[in-house]
Amino acid sequence: KNEFEEVLKIYKQLGLNVKGVDAKEHFYSKLAGKTDPEEKRKA
């Protein structure tokens, strides 16, 4: 929880040139219906 925002904030403090990409929906669609652990890892 809140990791995406908090990590980007630390990267900014360190002066790193980092782009944050919100791809939650992409992953949720790939994971839909999958229950096997290895399939989830691969997805």
All heavy atoms as atom14 arrays in JSON, in Angstrom:
{
  "sequence": "KNEFEEVLKIYKQLGLNVKGVDAKEHFYSKLAGKTDPEEKRKA",
  "atom14_mask": [
    [1, 1, 1, 1, 1, 1, 1, 1, 1, 0, 0, 0, 0, 0],
    [1, 1, 1, 1, 1, 1, 1, 1, 0, 0, 0, 0, 0, 0],
    [1, 1, 1, 1, 1, 1, 1, 1, 1, 0, 0, 0, 0, 0],
    [1, 1, 1, 1, 1, 1, 1, 1, 1, 1, 1, 0, 0, 0],
    [1, 1, 1, 1, 1, 1, 1, 1, 1, 0, 0, 0, 0, 0],
    [1, 1, 1, 1, 1, 1, 1, 1, 1, 0, 0, 0, 0, 0],
    [1, 1, 1, 1, 1, 1, 1, 0, 0, 0, 0, 0, 0, 0],
    [1, 1, 1, 1, 1, 1, 1, 1, 0, 0, 0, 0, 0, 0],
    [1, 1, 1, 1, 1, 1, 1, 1, 1, 0, 0, 0, 0, 0],
    [1, 1, 1, 1, 1, 1, 1, 1, 0, 0, 0, 0, 0, 0],
    [1, 1, 1, 1, 1, 1, 1, 1, 1, 1, 1, 1, 0, 0],
    [1, 1, 1, 1, 1, 1, 1, 1, 1, 0, 0, 0, 0, 0],
    [1, 1, 1, 1, 1, 1, 1, 1, 1, 0, 0, 0, 0, 0],
    [1, 1, 1, 1, 1, 1, 1, 1, 0, 0, 0, 0, 0, 0],
    [1, 1, 1, 1, 0, 0, 0, 0, 0, 0, 0, 0, 0, 0],
    [1, 1, 1, 1, 1, 1, 1, 1, 0, 0, 0, 0, 0, 0],
    [1, 1, 1, 1, 1, 1, 1, 1, 0, 0, 0, 0, 0, 0],
    [1, 1, 1, 1, 1, 1, 1, 0, 0, 0, 0, 0, 0, 0],
    [1, 1, 1, 1, 1, 1, 1, 1, 1, 0, 0, 0, 0, 0],
    [1, 1, 1, 1, 0, 0, 0, 0, 0, 0, 0, 0, 0, 0],
    [1, 1, 1, 1, 1, 1, 1, 0, 0, 0, 0, 0, 0, 0],
    [1, 1, 1, 1, 1, 1, 1, 1, 0, 0, 0, 0, 0, 0],
    [1, 1, 1, 1, 1, 0, 0, 0, 0, 0, 0, 0, 0, 0],
    [1, 1, 1, 1, 1, 1, 1, 1, 1, 0, 0, 0, 0, 0],
    [1, 1, 1, 1, 1, 1, 1, 1, 1, 0, 0, 0, 0, 0],
    [1, 1, 1, 1, 1, 1, 1, 1, 1, 1, 0, 0, 0, 0],
    [1, 1, 1, 1, 1, 1, 1, 1, 1, 1, 1, 0, 0, 0],
    [1, 1, 1, 1, 1, 1, 1, 1, 1, 1, 1, 1, 0, 0],
    [1, 1, 1, 1, 1, 1, 0, 0, 0, 0, 0, 0, 0, 0],
    [1, 1, 1, 1, 1, 1, 1, 1, 1, 0, 0, 0, 0, 0],
    [1, 1, 1, 1, 1, 1, 1, 1, 0, 0, 0, 0, 0, 0],
    [1, 1, 1, 1, 1, 0, 0, 0, 0, 0, 0, 0, 0, 0],
    [1, 1, 1, 1, 0, 0, 0, 0, 0, 0, 0, 0, 0, 0],
    [1, 1, 1, 1, 1, 1, 1, 1, 1, 0, 0, 0, 0, 0],
    [1, 1, 1, 1, 1, 1, 1, 0, 0, 0, 0, 0, 0, 0],
    [1, 1, 1, 1, 1, 1, 1, 1, 0, 0, 0, 0, 0, 0],
    [1, 1, 1, 1, 1, 1, 1, 0, 0, 0, 0, 0, 0, 0],
    [1, 1, 1, 1, 1, 1, 1, 1, 1, 0, 0, 0, 0, 0],
    [1, 1, 1, 1, 1, 1, 1, 1, 1, 0, 0, 0, 0, 0],
    [1, 1, 1, 1, 1, 1, 1, 1, 1, 0, 0, 0, 0, 0],
    [1, 1, 1, 1, 1, 1, 1, 1, 1, 1, 1, 0, 0, 0],
    [1, 1, 1, 1, 1, 1, 1, 1, 1, 0, 0, 0, 0, 0],
    [1, 1, 1, 1, 1, 0, 0, 0, 0, 0, 0, 0, 0, 0]
  ],
  "atom14_positions": [
    [[0.83, -1.2, 0.0], [0.0, 0.0, 0.0], [0.87, 1.26, 0.0], [1.83, 1.37, 0.76], [-0.93, 0.0, 1.22], [-1.93, 1.13, 1.17], [-2.99, 1.02, 2.24], [-4.05, 2.11, 2.08], [-5.12, 2.01, 3.08], [0.0, 0.0, 0.0], [0.0, 0.0, 0.0], [0.0, 0.0, 0.0], [0.0, 0.0, 0.0], [0.0, 0.0, 0.0]],
    [[0.54, 2.19, -0.88], [1.22, 3.49, -1.01], [2.66, 3.39, -1.51], [3.38, 4.39, -1.57], [1.22, 4.28, 0.32], [-0.18, 4.49, 0.85], [-1.12, 4.67, 0.08], [-0.33, 4.46, 2.17], [0.0, 0.0, 0.0], [0.0, 0.0, 0.0], [0.0, 0.0, 0.0], [0.0, 0.0, 0.0], [0.0, 0.0, 0.0], [0.0, 0.0, 0.0]],
    [[3.1, 2.17, -1.87], [4.51, 1.98, -2.23], [4.89, 2.73, -3.49], [5.98, 3.31, -3.57], [4.81, 0.49, -2.41], [6.26, 0.2, -2.73], [6.62, -1.26, -2.62], [5.7, -2.11, -2.65], [7.8, -1.56, -2.5], [0.0, 0.0, 0.0], [0.0, 0.0, 0.0], [0.0, 0.0, 0.0], [0.0, 0.0, 0.0], [0.0, 0.0, 0.0]],
    [[4.03, 2.77, -4.47], [4.35, 3.42, -5.74], [4.71, 4.89, -5.5], [5.76, 5.37, -5.94], [3.16, 3.3, -6.69], [3.41, 3.81, -8.08], [4.4, 3.26, -8.87], [2.64, 4.84, -8.6], [4.63, 3.73, -10.17], [2.85, 5.31, -9.89], [3.86, 4.75, -10.68], [0.0, 0.0, 0.0], [0.0, 0.0, 0.0], [0.0, 0.0, 0.0]],
    [[3.86, 5.58, -4.75], [4.08, 7.02, -4.5], [5.3, 7.24, -3.61], [6.12, 8.14, -3.86], [2.84, 7.64, -3.83], [1.57, 7.63, -4.69], [0.89, 6.26, -4.74], [1.22, 5.39, -3.88], [0.04, 6.06, -5.63], [0.0, 0.0, 0.0], [0.0, 0.0, 0.0], [0.0, 0.0, 0.0], [0.0, 0.0, 0.0], [0.0, 0.0, 0.0]],
    [[5.45, 6.41, -2.58], [6.55, 6.59, -1.62], [7.91, 6.33, -2.26], [8.87, 7.06, -2.02], [6.35, 5.67, -0.41], [5.19, 6.11, 0.48], [4.85, 5.08, 1.55], [5.53, 4.03, 1.59], [3.92, 5.33, 2.34], [0.0, 0.0, 0.0], [0.0, 0.0, 0.0], [0.0, 0.0, 0.0], [0.0, 0.0, 0.0], [0.0, 0.0, 0.0]],
    [[7.98, 5.29, -3.1], [9.25, 4.97, -3.75], [9.64, 6.06, -4.75], [10.8, 6.47, -4.82], [9.17, 3.58, -4.42], [10.36, 3.36, -5.35], [9.13, 2.49, -3.37], [0.0, 0.0, 0.0], [0.0, 0.0, 0.0], [0.0, 0.0, 0.0], [0.0, 0.0, 0.0], [0.0, 0.0, 0.0], [0.0, 0.0, 0.0], [0.0, 0.0, 0.0]],
    [[8.68, 6.54, -5.52], [8.97, 7.62, -6.47], [9.48, 8.87, -5.75], [10.37, 9.56, -6.23], [7.73, 7.96, -7.3], [7.39, 6.99, -8.44], [6.06, 7.37, -9.08], [8.51, 6.96, -9.48], [0.0, 0.0, 0.0], [0.0, 0.0, 0.0], [0.0, 0.0, 0.0], [0.0, 0.0, 0.0], [0.0, 0.0, 0.0], [0.0, 0.0, 0.0]],
    [[8.93, 9.1, -4.57], [9.37, 10.26, -3.78], [10.83, 10.1, -3.36], [11.63, 11.04, -3.43], [8.47, 10.39, -2.54], [8.76, 11.6, -1.68], [7.8, 11.66, -0.5], [8.14, 12.83, 0.43], [7.25, 12.85, 1.62], [0.0, 0.0, 0.0], [0.0, 0.0, 0.0], [0.0, 0.0, 0.0], [0.0, 0.0, 0.0], [0.0, 0.0, 0.0]],
    [[11.22, 8.9, -2.95], [12.61, 8.65, -2.55], [13.54, 8.78, -3.77], [14.63, 9.36, -3.69], [12.76, 7.27, -1.89], [12.07, 7.27, -0.52], [14.24, 6.88, -1.72], [12.04, 5.92, 0.18], [0.0, 0.0, 0.0], [0.0, 0.0, 0.0], [0.0, 0.0, 0.0], [0.0, 0.0, 0.0], [0.0, 0.0, 0.0], [0.0, 0.0, 0.0]],
    [[13.1, 8.25, -4.91], [13.92, 8.37, -6.12], [14.16, 9.84, -6.46], [15.26, 10.22, -6.88], [13.24, 7.68, -7.29], [13.29, 6.16, -7.24], [12.34, 5.4, -7.93], [14.27, 5.48, -6.53], [12.38, 4.01, -7.9], [14.31, 4.1, -6.5], [13.36, 3.37, -7.18], [13.4, 2.0, -7.14], [0.0, 0.0, 0.0], [0.0, 0.0, 0.0]],
    [[13.13, 10.65, -6.26], [13.28, 12.09, -6.54], [14.28, 12.72, -5.58], [15.13, 13.53, -5.98], [11.92, 12.77, -6.41], [11.92, 14.22, -6.89], [10.52, 14.81, -6.9], [10.54, 16.23, -7.43], [9.17, 16.84, -7.45], [0.0, 0.0, 0.0], [0.0, 0.0, 0.0], [0.0, 0.0, 0.0], [0.0, 0.0, 0.0], [0.0, 0.0, 0.0]],
    [[14.21, 12.32, -4.29], [15.15, 12.84, -3.29], [16.6, 12.47, -3.66], [17.53, 13.24, -3.4], [14.83, 12.27, -1.91], [13.54, 12.81, -1.29], [13.14, 12.04, -0.03], [13.82, 11.1, 0.39], [12.03, 12.43, 0.57], [0.0, 0.0, 0.0], [0.0, 0.0, 0.0], [0.0, 0.0, 0.0], [0.0, 0.0, 0.0], [0.0, 0.0, 0.0]],
    [[16.77, 11.28, -4.23], [18.11, 10.82, -4.61], [18.59, 11.44, -5.91], [19.74, 11.23, -6.32], [18.13, 9.29, -4.74], [17.93, 8.49, -3.45], [17.71, 7.01, -3.75], [19.13, 8.67, -2.52], [0.0, 0.0, 0.0], [0.0, 0.0, 0.0], [0.0, 0.0, 0.0], [0.0, 0.0, 0.0], [0.0, 0.0, 0.0], [0.0, 0.0, 0.0]],
    [[17.71, 12.18, -6.57], [18.09, 12.84, -7.82], [18.06, 11.93, -9.03], [18.6, 12.27, -10.08], [0.0, 0.0, 0.0], [0.0, 0.0, 0.0], [0.0, 0.0, 0.0], [0.0, 0.0, 0.0], [0.0, 0.0, 0.0], [0.0, 0.0, 0.0], [0.0, 0.0, 0.0], [0.0, 0.0, 0.0], [0.0, 0.0, 0.0], [0.0, 0.0, 0.0]],
    [[17.42, 10.76, -8.89], [17.39, 9.81, -10.0], [16.35, 10.22, -11.04], [15.29, 10.75, -10.71], [17.07, 8.4, -9.48], [18.05, 7.79, -8.49], [17.59, 6.41, -8.07], [19.46, 7.73, -9.08], [0.0, 0.0, 0.0], [0.0, 0.0, 0.0], [0.0, 0.0, 0.0], [0.0, 0.0, 0.0], [0.0, 0.0, 0.0], [0.0, 0.0, 0.0]],
    [[16.67, 9.95, -12.29], [15.8, 10.26, -13.41], [14.89, 9.05, -13.65], [15.23, 8.15, -14.41], [16.67, 10.57, -14.64], [15.87, 10.82, -15.89], [14.7, 11.2, -15.82], [16.49, 10.6, -17.04], [0.0, 0.0, 0.0], [0.0, 0.0, 0.0], [0.0, 0.0, 0.0], [0.0, 0.0, 0.0], [0.0, 0.0, 0.0], [0.0, 0.0, 0.0]],
    [[13.74, 9.02, -12.96], [12.88, 7.84, -12.99], [11.46, 8.22, -13.43], [10.89, 9.19, -12.94], [12.8, 7.17, -11.59], [11.89, 5.95, -11.63], [14.2, 6.76, -11.13], [0.0, 0.0, 0.0], [0.0, 0.0, 0.0], [0.0, 0.0, 0.0], [0.0, 0.0, 0.0], [0.0, 0.0, 0.0], [0.0, 0.0, 0.0], [0.0, 0.0, 0.0]],
    [[10.91, 7.41, -14.32], [9.52, 7.58, -14.74], [8.66, 6.52, -14.07], [8.96, 5.33, -14.16], [9.41, 7.46, -16.26], [7.97, 7.59, -16.78], [7.91, 7.43, -18.3], [6.47, 7.56, -18.81], [6.41, 7.4, -20.28], [0.0, 0.0, 0.0], [0.0, 0.0, 0.0], [0.0, 0.0, 0.0], [0.0, 0.0, 0.0], [0.0, 0.0, 0.0]],
    [[7.59, 6.93, -13.4], [6.65, 5.99, -12.82], [5.55, 5.66, -13.81], [5.0, 6.56, -14.46], [0.0, 0.0, 0.0], [0.0, 0.0, 0.0], [0.0, 0.0, 0.0], [0.0, 0.0, 0.0], [0.0, 0.0, 0.0], [0.0, 0.0, 0.0], [0.0, 0.0, 0.0], [0.0, 0.0, 0.0], [0.0, 0.0, 0.0], [0.0, 0.0, 0.0]],
    [[5.23, 4.37, -13.96], [4.21, 3.93, -14.92], [3.12, 3.17, -14.18], [3.38, 2.11, -13.59], [4.83, 3.02, -16.01], [3.76, 2.62, -17.02], [6.0, 3.71, -16.7], [0.0, 0.0, 0.0], [0.0, 0.0, 0.0], [0.0, 0.0, 0.0], [0.0, 0.0, 0.0], [0.0, 0.0, 0.0], [0.0, 0.0, 0.0], [0.0, 0.0, 0.0]],
    [[1.91, 3.72, -14.18], [0.77, 3.04, -13.55], [0.2, 2.03, -14.54], [-0.48, 2.38, -15.5], [-0.3, 4.07, -13.15], [-1.49, 3.43, -12.45], [-1.59, 2.19, -12.46], [-2.32, 4.17, -11.88], [0.0, 0.0, 0.0], [0.0, 0.0, 0.0], [0.0, 0.0, 0.0], [0.0, 0.0, 0.0], [0.0, 0.0, 0.0], [0.0, 0.0, 0.0]],
    [[0.51, 0.73, -14.29], [0.06, -0.32, -15.22], [-0.8, -1.35, -14.51], [-0.88, -2.51, -14.93], [1.28, -0.98, -15.86], [0.0, 0.0, 0.0], [0.0, 0.0, 0.0], [0.0, 0.0, 0.0], [0.0, 0.0, 0.0], [0.0, 0.0, 0.0], [0.0, 0.0, 0.0], [0.0, 0.0, 0.0], [0.0, 0.0, 0.0], [0.0, 0.0, 0.0]],
    [[-1.46, -0.92, -13.45], [-2.26, -1.87, -12.66], [-3.27, -2.63, -13.51], [-3.38, -3.85, -13.42], [-2.99, -1.12, -11.52], [-2.1, -0.59, -10.43], [-2.88, -0.17, -9.21], [-3.63, 1.12, -9.43], [-2.73, 2.3, -9.43], [0.0, 0.0, 0.0], [0.0, 0.0, 0.0], [0.0, 0.0, 0.0], [0.0, 0.0, 0.0], [0.0, 0.0, 0.0]],
    [[-4.01, -1.9, -14.34], [-5.07, -2.55, -15.11], [-4.5, -3.58, -16.1], [-5.11, -4.61, -16.35], [-5.9, -1.5, -15.86], [-6.67, -0.55, -14.93], [-7.51, -1.3, -13.9], [-8.13, -2.33, -14.25], [-7.53, -0.87, -12.72], [0.0, 0.0, 0.0], [0.0, 0.0, 0.0], [0.0, 0.0, 0.0], [0.0, 0.0, 0.0], [0.0, 0.0, 0.0]],
    [[-3.34, -3.29, -16.66], [-2.68, -4.23, -17.57], [-2.41, -5.56, -16.86], [-2.67, -6.64, -17.41], [-1.37, -3.62, -18.08], [-0.58, -4.53, -18.99], [-0.91, -4.71, -20.31], [0.51, -5.3, -18.75], [-0.04, -5.57, -20.85], [0.83, -5.93, -19.93], [0.0, 0.0, 0.0], [0.0, 0.0, 0.0], [0.0, 0.0, 0.0], [0.0, 0.0, 0.0]],
    [[-1.91, -5.46, -15.64], [-1.58, -6.67, -14.88], [-2.84, -7.41, -14.42], [-2.89, -8.64, -14.47], [-0.68, -6.33, -13.69], [0.75, -6.06, -14.07], [1.16, -4.79, -14.44], [1.68, -7.09, -14.09], [2.48, -4.54, -14.81], [3.0, -6.85, -14.46], [3.4, -5.57, -14.81], [0.0, 0.0, 0.0], [0.0, 0.0, 0.0], [0.0, 0.0, 0.0]],
    [[-3.82, -6.65, -13.95], [-5.06, -7.31, -13.49], [-5.73, -8.09, -14.63], [-6.27, -9.18, -14.42], [-6.04, -6.28, -12.93], [-5.6, -5.67, -11.61], [-5.99, -4.36, -11.26], [-4.8, -6.36, -10.72], [-5.59, -3.79, -10.07], [-4.39, -5.79, -9.52], [-4.79, -4.49, -9.2], [-4.39, -3.93, -8.02], [0.0, 0.0, 0.0], [0.0, 0.0, 0.0]],
    [[-5.65, -7.54, -15.85], [-6.26, -8.25, -16.98], [-5.48, -9.53, -17.3], [-6.06, -10.55, -17.66], [-6.35, -7.34, -18.21], [-5.05, -7.02, -18.68], [0.0, 0.0, 0.0], [0.0, 0.0, 0.0], [0.0, 0.0, 0.0], [0.0, 0.0, 0.0], [0.0, 0.0, 0.0], [0.0, 0.0, 0.0], [0.0, 0.0, 0.0], [0.0, 0.0, 0.0]],
    [[-4.15, -9.48, -17.17], [-3.33, -10.67, -17.44], [-3.53, -11.74, -16.36], [-3.39, -12.94, -16.62], [-1.84, -10.3, -17.5], [-1.42, -9.56, -18.75], [0.06, -9.29, -18.78], [0.87, -10.53, -18.99], [0.84, -11.06, -20.36], [0.0, 0.0, 0.0], [0.0, 0.0, 0.0], [0.0, 0.0, 0.0], [0.0, 0.0, 0.0], [0.0, 0.0, 0.0]],
    [[-3.86, -11.3, -15.14], [-4.01, -12.23, -14.01], [-5.42, -12.79, -13.87], [-5.63, -13.75, -13.12], [-3.62, -11.52, -12.71], [-2.12, -11.24, -12.53], [-1.89, -10.2, -11.44], [-1.37, -12.53, -12.19], [0.0, 0.0, 0.0], [0.0, 0.0, 0.0], [0.0, 0.0, 0.0], [0.0, 0.0, 0.0], [0.0, 0.0, 0.0], [0.0, 0.0, 0.0]],
    [[-6.35, -12.2, -14.56], [-7.76, -12.6, -14.42], [-7.93, -14.1, -14.67], [-7.46, -14.64, -15.68], [-8.64, -11.81, -15.39], [0.0, 0.0, 0.0], [0.0, 0.0, 0.0], [0.0, 0.0, 0.0], [0.0, 0.0, 0.0], [0.0, 0.0, 0.0], [0.0, 0.0, 0.0], [0.0, 0.0, 0.0], [0.0, 0.0, 0.0], [0.0, 0.0, 0.0]],
    [[-8.57, -14.78, -13.73], [-8.87, -16.2, -13.87], [-7.74, -17.14, -13.53], [-7.92, -18.35, -13.5], [0.0, 0.0, 0.0], [0.0, 0.0, 0.0], [0.0, 0.0, 0.0], [0.0, 0.0, 0.0], [0.0, 0.0, 0.0], [0.0, 0.0, 0.0], [0.0, 0.0, 0.0], [0.0, 0.0, 0.0], [0.0, 0.0, 0.0], [0.0, 0.0, 0.0]],
    [[-6.55, -16.61, -13.26], [-5.4, -17.47, -12.96], [-5.32, -17.77, -11.45], [-5.36, -16.85, -10.63], [-4.1, -16.82, -13.43], [-3.98, -16.77, -14.95], [-2.65, -16.18, -15.39], [-2.44, -16.35, -16.88], [-3.48, -15.76, -17.71], [0.0, 0.0, 0.0], [0.0, 0.0, 0.0], [0.0, 0.0, 0.0], [0.0, 0.0, 0.0], [0.0, 0.0, 0.0]],
    [[-5.17, -19.04, -11.11], [-5.07, -19.44, -9.7], [-3.78, -20.21, -9.41], [-3.34, -20.28, -8.27], [-6.26, -20.34, -9.3], [-6.29, -21.48, -10.16], [-7.58, -19.57, -9.43], [0.0, 0.0, 0.0], [0.0, 0.0, 0.0], [0.0, 0.0, 0.0], [0.0, 0.0, 0.0], [0.0, 0.0, 0.0], [0.0, 0.0, 0.0], [0.0, 0.0, 0.0]],
    [[-3.17, -20.79, -10.45], [-1.93, -21.55, -10.26], [-0.77, -20.59, -9.96], [-0.57, -19.6, -10.69], [-1.61, -22.35, -11.52], [-0.31, -23.13, -11.39], [-0.3, -24.15, -10.69], [0.71, -22.68, -11.97], [0.0, 0.0, 0.0], [0.0, 0.0, 0.0], [0.0, 0.0, 0.0], [0.0, 0.0, 0.0], [0.0, 0.0, 0.0], [0.0, 0.0, 0.0]],
    [[0.01, -20.83, -8.89], [1.09, -19.91, -8.5], [2.09, -19.63, -9.63], [2.49, -18.49, -9.84], [1.76, -20.62, -7.33], [0.74, -21.54, -6.79], [-0.12, -21.95, -7.93], [0.0, 0.0, 0.0], [0.0, 0.0, 0.0], [0.0, 0.0, 0.0], [0.0, 0.0, 0.0], [0.0, 0.0, 0.0], [0.0, 0.0, 0.0], [0.0, 0.0, 0.0]],
    [[2.48, -20.69, -10.36], [3.48, -20.5, -11.41], [2.9, -19.69, -12.56], [3.6, -18.85, -13.16], [3.97, -21.87, -11.9], [5.3, -21.82, -12.64], [6.42, -21.13, -11.85], [6.47, -21.27, -10.61], [7.23, -20.44, -12.49], [0.0, 0.0, 0.0], [0.0, 0.0, 0.0], [0.0, 0.0, 0.0], [0.0, 0.0, 0.0], [0.0, 0.0, 0.0]],
    [[1.63, -19.9, -12.87], [0.99, -19.1, -13.93], [0.92, -17.63, -13.53], [1.12, -16.73, -14.36], [-0.42, -19.63, -14.21], [-0.45, -20.9, -15.03], [-1.87, -21.29, -15.44], [-2.78, -20.43, -15.32], [-2.07, -22.44, -15.86], [0.0, 0.0, 0.0], [0.0, 0.0, 0.0], [0.0, 0.0, 0.0], [0.0, 0.0, 0.0], [0.0, 0.0, 0.0]],
    [[0.64, -17.38, -12.26], [0.58, -15.99, -11.78], [1.97, -15.35, -11.87], [2.09, -14.19, -12.31], [0.04, -15.94, -10.34], [-1.43, -16.32, -10.25], [-2.04, -15.95, -8.91], [-1.52, -16.76, -7.77], [-2.18, -16.44, -6.49], [0.0, 0.0, 0.0], [0.0, 0.0, 0.0], [0.0, 0.0, 0.0], [0.0, 0.0, 0.0], [0.0, 0.0, 0.0]],
    [[2.98, -16.08, -11.45], [4.35, -15.55, -11.52], [4.72, -15.19, -12.96], [5.28, -14.13, -13.23], [5.35, -16.59, -10.98], [5.38, -16.72, -9.47], [6.34, -17.82, -9.05], [6.39, -17.98, -7.62], [7.2, -17.33, -6.81], [8.05, -16.44, -7.31], [7.18, -17.53, -5.5], [0.0, 0.0, 0.0], [0.0, 0.0, 0.0], [0.0, 0.0, 0.0]],
    [[4.4, -16.12, -13.87], [4.74, -15.88, -15.28], [3.96, -14.69, -15.85], [4.51, -13.9, -16.63], [4.45, -17.13, -16.11], [5.48, -18.24, -15.9], [5.12, -19.49, -16.68], [6.17, -20.6, -16.46], [5.76, -21.87, -17.08], [0.0, 0.0, 0.0], [0.0, 0.0, 0.0], [0.0, 0.0, 0.0], [0.0, 0.0, 0.0], [0.0, 0.0, 0.0]],
    [[2.7, -14.55, -15.45], [1.89, -13.43, -15.94], [2.47, -12.1, -15.45], [2.54, -11.12, -16.21], [0.44, -13.59, -15.47], [0.0, 0.0, 0.0], [0.0, 0.0, 0.0], [0.0, 0.0, 0.0], [0.0, 0.0, 0.0], [0.0, 0.0, 0.0], [0.0, 0.0, 0.0], [0.0, 0.0, 0.0], [0.0, 0.0, 0.0], [0.0, 0.0, 0.0]]
  ]
}
